[in-house]
Amino acid sequence: MQDSIVKAVNDSPMIVPDESGWRVGGEGAWLWTAGDASGDGLLGRPNGRGYDEACEVNSPEYSGVMVA
């Protein structure tokens, strides 16, 4: 299911990516999101806020508009 959501978001002409930190069991973690008009792709990662983690939600080949 998540793969189809991430694909749909990356096929959108405009997305809004974001990441937010939180704690899981006292340890740092990150929630990555990329949303469009139809929904959001979500990905939780422990201590990951880099390019590799971002690419799991936002395709490196994404050619649409990213709104920050």
C-alpha atoms as a PDB file:
ATOM      1  CA  MET A   1       0.000   0.000   0.000  1.00  0.00           C
ATOM      2  CA  GLN A   2       2.705   2.499   0.937  1.00  0.00           C
ATOM      3  CA  ASP A   3       4.513   1.943  -2.384  1.00  0.00           C
ATOM      4  CA  SER A   4       1.368   2.884  -4.309  1.00  0.00           C
ATOM      5  CA  ILE A   5       0.874   6.008  -2.170  1.00  0.00           C
ATOM      6  CA  VAL A   6       4.502   7.100  -2.638  1.00  0.00           C
ATOM      7  CA  LYS A   7       4.202   6.481  -6.406  1.00  0.00           C
ATOM      8  CA  ALA A   8       0.980   8.515  -6.588  1.00  0.00           C
ATOM      9  CA  VAL A   9       2.549  11.402  -4.680  1.00  0.00           C
ATOM     10  CA  ASN A  10       5.658  11.356  -6.898  1.00  0.00           C
ATOM     11  CA  ASP A  11       3.456  11.325 -10.018  1.00  0.00           C
ATOM     12  CA  SER A  12       1.764  14.524  -8.833  1.00  0.00           C
ATOM     13  CA  PRO A  13       2.671  17.832 -10.535  1.00  0.00           C
ATOM     14  CA  MET A  14       3.161  19.474  -7.102  1.00  0.00           C
ATOM     15  CA  ILE A  15       4.127  18.037  -3.702  1.00  0.00           C
ATOM     16  CA  VAL A  16       4.775  19.415  -0.238  1.00  0.00           C
ATOM     17  CA  PRO A  17       7.606  17.476   1.449  1.00  0.00           C
ATOM     18  CA  ASP A  18       8.416  17.805   5.142  1.00  0.00           C
ATOM     19  CA  GLU A  19      10.096  15.980   7.992  1.00  0.00           C
ATOM     20  CA  SER A  20       9.482  16.174  11.700  1.00  0.00           C
ATOM     21  CA  GLY A  21      11.473  14.840  14.639  1.00  0.00           C
ATOM     22  CA  TRP A  22      10.044  12.867  17.522  1.00  0.00           C
ATOM     23  CA  ARG A  23      11.125  10.321  20.130  1.00  0.00           C
ATOM     24  CA  VAL A  24      10.357   6.599  20.081  1.00  0.00           C
ATOM     25  CA  GLY A  25      11.233   4.897  23.348  1.00  0.00           C
ATOM     26  CA  GLY A  26      13.403   7.883  24.241  1.00  0.00           C
ATOM     27  CA  GLU A  27      15.410   7.654  20.981  1.00  0.00           C
ATOM     28  CA  GLY A  28      15.330  10.229  18.199  1.00  0.00           C
ATOM     29  CA  ALA A  29      13.391   9.398  15.029  1.00  0.00           C
ATOM     30  CA  TRP A  30      12.092  11.212  11.941  1.00  0.00           C
ATOM     31  CA  LEU A  31       8.754  11.151  10.170  1.00  0.00           C
ATOM     32  CA  TRP A  32       9.066  11.990   6.470  1.00  0.00           C
ATOM     33  CA  THR A  33       6.022  13.102   4.509  1.00  0.00           C
ATOM     34  CA  ALA A  34       5.301  14.141   0.948  1.00  0.00           C
ATOM     35  CA  GLY A  35       1.776  15.273   0.245  1.00  0.00           C
ATOM     36  CA  ASP A  36      -0.279  16.264  -2.741  1.00  0.00           C
ATOM     37  CA  ALA A  37      -3.953  17.035  -3.267  1.00  0.00           C
ATOM     38  CA  SER A  38      -4.857  13.324  -3.114  1.00  0.00           C
ATOM     39  CA  GLY A  39      -3.000  12.268   0.025  1.00  0.00           C
ATOM     40  CA  ASP A  40       0.273  11.855   1.882  1.00  0.00           C
ATOM     41  CA  GLY A  41       3.137   9.386   1.718  1.00  0.00           C
ATOM     42  CA  LEU A  42       4.607   8.759   5.171  1.00  0.00           C
ATOM     43  CA  LEU A  43       7.847   7.128   6.274  1.00  0.00           C
ATOM     44  CA  GLY A  44       9.224   6.788   9.788  1.00  0.00           C
ATOM     45  CA  ARG A  45      12.986   6.343  10.243  1.00  0.00           C
ATOM     46  CA  PRO A  46      15.168   6.193  13.363  1.00  0.00           C
ATOM     47  CA  ASN A  47      17.811   8.930  13.337  1.00  0.00           C
ATOM     48  CA  GLY A  48      17.573   9.423   9.586  1.00  0.00           C
ATOM     49  CA  ARG A  49      17.322  12.919   8.185  1.00  0.00           C
ATOM     50  CA  GLY A  50      19.580  12.667   5.145  1.00  0.00           C
ATOM     51  CA  TYR A  51      19.298  12.425   1.384  1.00  0.00           C
ATOM     52  CA  ASP A  52      18.847   8.636   1.371  1.00  0.00           C
ATOM     53  CA  GLU A  53      15.863   8.829   3.717  1.00  0.00           C
ATOM     54  CA  ALA A  54      14.316  11.702   1.747  1.00  0.00           C
ATOM     55  CA  CYS A  55      14.580   9.652  -1.461  1.00  0.00           C
ATOM     56  CA  GLU A  56      12.422   6.913   0.072  1.00  0.00           C
ATOM     57  CA  VAL A  57       9.464   9.334  -0.057  1.00  0.00           C
ATOM     58  CA  ASN A  58      10.523  11.909  -2.674  1.00  0.00           C
ATOM     59  CA  SER A  59      11.952  10.298  -5.807  1.00  0.00           C
ATOM     60  CA  PRO A  60      15.328  11.767  -6.888  1.00  0.00           C
ATOM     61  CA  GLU A  61      13.863  11.883 -10.416  1.00  0.00           C
ATOM     62  CA  TYR A  62      10.861  13.962  -9.308  1.00  0.00           C
ATOM     63  CA  SER A  63      10.412  16.707 -11.917  1.00  0.00           C
ATOM     64  CA  GLY A  64       7.389  18.553 -10.549  1.00  0.00           C
ATOM     65  CA  VAL A  65       7.155  21.489  -8.170  1.00  0.00           C
ATOM     66  CA  MET A  66       8.185  21.046  -4.517  1.00  0.00           C
ATOM     67  CA  VAL A  67       6.632  23.560  -2.136  1.00  0.00           C
ATOM     68  CA  ALA A  68       8.502  24.286   1.080  1.00  0.00           C
END
